[in-house]
């Protein structure tokens, strides 16, 4: 902290890491996948900035090995760069989740992580993670 005082800089990472930066909510349209066939749902992810300053934001969506983030079901992780979100502002991003012939009936855990970045997307200050269940029938 002393180094920042010398140059007149404010260490904002300590303030940001003390509280939750975002409120995440996830919904699926339609609410379920078809098992043992190729089908898709659209995950609608709403992110609200709870901080008192703008946040450079990205979202990472992760799915289990039985699902995919494109029609061939090869990629299991996807980063969506949102940009700056103003204090109190809410943004919505959409992500397609696919099933294939290896998707059995049951519930699958989808992990959504939202991160606050510093200057560019290479530096992460803090983040929040949410898990959602997606049903295949």
Protein backbone atom coordinates (compact mmCIF):
# COMPACT_ATOMS: atom_id res chain seq x y z
CA UNK A 1 0.00 0.00 0.00
CA UNK A 2 2.91 2.36 0.69
CA UNK A 3 4.11 2.09 -2.90
CA UNK A 4 0.73 3.25 -4.18
CA UNK A 5 0.77 6.24 -1.81
CA UNK A 6 4.14 7.38 -3.18
CA UNK A 7 2.90 7.58 -6.77
CA UNK A 8 -0.58 8.86 -5.89
CA UNK A 9 -2.32 5.71 -7.11
CA UNK A 10 -5.27 4.10 -5.36
CA UNK A 11 -5.23 0.34 -4.81
CA UNK A 12 -8.77 -0.55 -5.91
CA UNK A 13 -8.22 -4.32 -5.93
CA UNK A 14 -8.49 -4.50 -2.12
CA UNK A 15 -11.86 -2.72 -2.15
CA UNK A 16 -13.22 -4.80 -5.02
CA UNK A 17 -12.22 -8.17 -3.58
CA UNK A 18 -14.12 -7.57 -0.30
CA UNK A 19 -17.64 -7.79 -1.80
CA UNK A 20 -19.52 -9.62 -4.52
CA UNK A 21 -19.02 -7.79 -7.81
CA UNK A 22 -22.01 -9.22 -9.70
CA UNK A 23 -25.44 -10.71 -9.36
CA UNK A 24 -25.76 -13.63 -11.81
CA UNK A 25 -28.99 -15.26 -12.94
CA UNK A 26 -29.37 -18.01 -15.54
CA UNK A 27 -32.39 -19.31 -17.42
CA UNK A 28 -32.71 -21.84 -20.23
CA UNK A 29 -35.04 -21.58 -23.24
CA UNK A 30 -36.46 -24.20 -23.70
CA UNK A 31 -35.92 -25.48 -20.17
CA UNK A 32 -34.56 -28.95 -21.16
CA UNK A 33 -32.50 -30.80 -23.76
CA UNK A 34 -33.47 -33.93 -25.66
CA UNK A 35 -31.44 -36.93 -24.52
CA UNK A 36 -29.60 -39.15 -27.03
CA UNK A 37 -30.21 -36.76 -29.92
CA UNK A 38 -28.94 -33.47 -31.26
CA UNK A 39 -30.80 -30.56 -29.69
CA UNK A 40 -29.97 -27.21 -28.12
CA UNK A 41 -31.09 -24.73 -25.50
CA UNK A 42 -30.20 -21.10 -25.15
CA UNK A 43 -28.72 -20.06 -21.81
CA UNK A 44 -29.67 -16.49 -20.99
CA UNK A 45 -27.21 -15.08 -18.47
CA UNK A 46 -28.04 -11.78 -16.75
CA UNK A 47 -25.20 -9.91 -15.03
CA UNK A 48 -25.76 -6.90 -12.77
CA UNK A 49 -22.81 -4.81 -11.60
CA UNK A 50 -23.02 -4.38 -7.80
CA UNK A 51 -19.84 -2.31 -7.57
CA UNK A 52 -19.66 1.46 -7.23
CA UNK A 53 -17.51 1.84 -10.35
CA UNK A 54 -17.53 0.49 -13.93
CA UNK A 55 -16.25 -3.07 -14.36
CA UNK A 56 -14.51 -4.57 -17.41
CA UNK A 57 -16.33 -7.90 -17.52
CA UNK A 58 -16.09 -11.32 -19.09
CA UNK A 59 -18.14 -14.49 -18.61
CA UNK A 60 -16.90 -18.08 -18.90
CA UNK A 61 -19.42 -20.88 -19.51
CA UNK A 62 -18.35 -24.49 -18.83
CA UNK A 63 -20.34 -27.65 -19.64
CA UNK A 64 -19.71 -31.34 -18.81
CA UNK A 65 -18.28 -33.77 -21.35
CA UNK A 66 -21.72 -35.05 -22.46
CA UNK A 67 -22.70 -31.57 -23.70
CA UNK A 68 -21.10 -28.98 -25.95
CA UNK A 69 -21.10 -25.29 -26.79
CA UNK A 70 -21.48 -25.79 -30.52
CA UNK A 71 -23.30 -28.32 -32.71
CA UNK A 72 -20.40 -30.80 -32.88
CA UNK A 73 -20.09 -30.79 -29.02
CA UNK A 74 -16.29 -30.49 -29.13
CA UNK A 75 -15.72 -27.30 -27.12
CA UNK A 76 -16.64 -27.47 -23.44
CA UNK A 77 -15.68 -23.94 -22.39
CA UNK A 78 -16.46 -20.54 -23.87
CA UNK A 79 -15.39 -17.02 -22.88
CA UNK A 80 -17.70 -14.12 -23.68
CA UNK A 81 -16.16 -10.65 -23.38
CA UNK A 82 -18.83 -8.16 -22.44
CA UNK A 83 -16.88 -4.93 -21.96
CA UNK A 84 -17.52 -2.25 -19.36
CA UNK A 85 -20.66 -2.47 -17.24
CA UNK A 86 -21.65 0.73 -15.43
CA UNK A 87 -22.52 0.65 -11.70
CA UNK A 88 -26.00 -0.80 -11.23
CA UNK A 89 -26.32 -1.69 -14.92
CA UNK A 90 -27.55 -5.13 -15.99
CA UNK A 91 -26.50 -6.83 -19.22
CA UNK A 92 -27.67 -10.07 -20.80
CA UNK A 93 -25.58 -12.51 -22.82
CA UNK A 94 -26.77 -15.63 -24.59
CA UNK A 95 -24.97 -18.92 -25.11
CA UNK A 96 -26.12 -21.99 -27.03
CA UNK A 97 -25.72 -25.38 -25.26
CA UNK A 98 -25.99 -28.57 -27.34
CA UNK A 99 -26.69 -32.23 -26.65
CA UNK A 100 -25.60 -35.16 -28.80
CA UNK A 101 -26.10 -38.91 -29.10
CA UNK A 102 -23.95 -39.50 -25.96
CA UNK A 103 -26.15 -37.28 -23.76
CA UNK A 104 -28.01 -39.54 -21.35
CA UNK A 105 -31.17 -38.65 -19.42
CA UNK A 106 -30.45 -36.75 -16.23
CA UNK A 107 -29.32 -33.43 -14.83
CA UNK A 108 -26.09 -31.70 -15.87
CA UNK A 109 -24.27 -28.95 -14.01
CA UNK A 110 -23.44 -25.85 -16.04
CA UNK A 111 -20.84 -23.53 -14.46
CA UNK A 112 -20.95 -19.80 -15.18
CA UNK A 113 -18.10 -17.57 -13.96
CA UNK A 114 -18.05 -13.78 -14.26
CA UNK A 115 -14.80 -11.85 -13.81
CA UNK A 116 -13.80 -8.22 -13.20
CA UNK A 117 -10.64 -7.35 -15.14
CA UNK A 118 -8.03 -4.66 -14.70
CA UNK A 119 -7.06 -2.59 -17.78
CA UNK A 120 -7.47 -5.50 -20.24
CA UNK A 121 -8.75 -9.06 -20.20
CA UNK A 122 -5.33 -10.42 -19.18
CA UNK A 123 -5.63 -9.38 -15.52
CA UNK A 124 -8.38 -10.63 -13.19
CA UNK A 125 -9.21 -8.69 -10.02
CA UNK A 126 -12.11 -10.76 -8.71
CA UNK A 127 -14.99 -12.90 -9.87
CA UNK A 128 -18.10 -14.83 -8.94
CA UNK A 129 -19.18 -18.36 -9.91
CA UNK A 130 -22.66 -19.85 -10.26
CA UNK A 131 -23.80 -23.38 -11.04
CA UNK A 132 -27.08 -24.17 -12.79
CA UNK A 133 -28.74 -27.51 -13.46
CA UNK A 134 -29.84 -28.38 -16.99
CA UNK A 135 -32.11 -31.37 -17.49
CA UNK A 136 -31.97 -33.80 -20.43
CA UNK A 137 -35.04 -36.00 -21.06
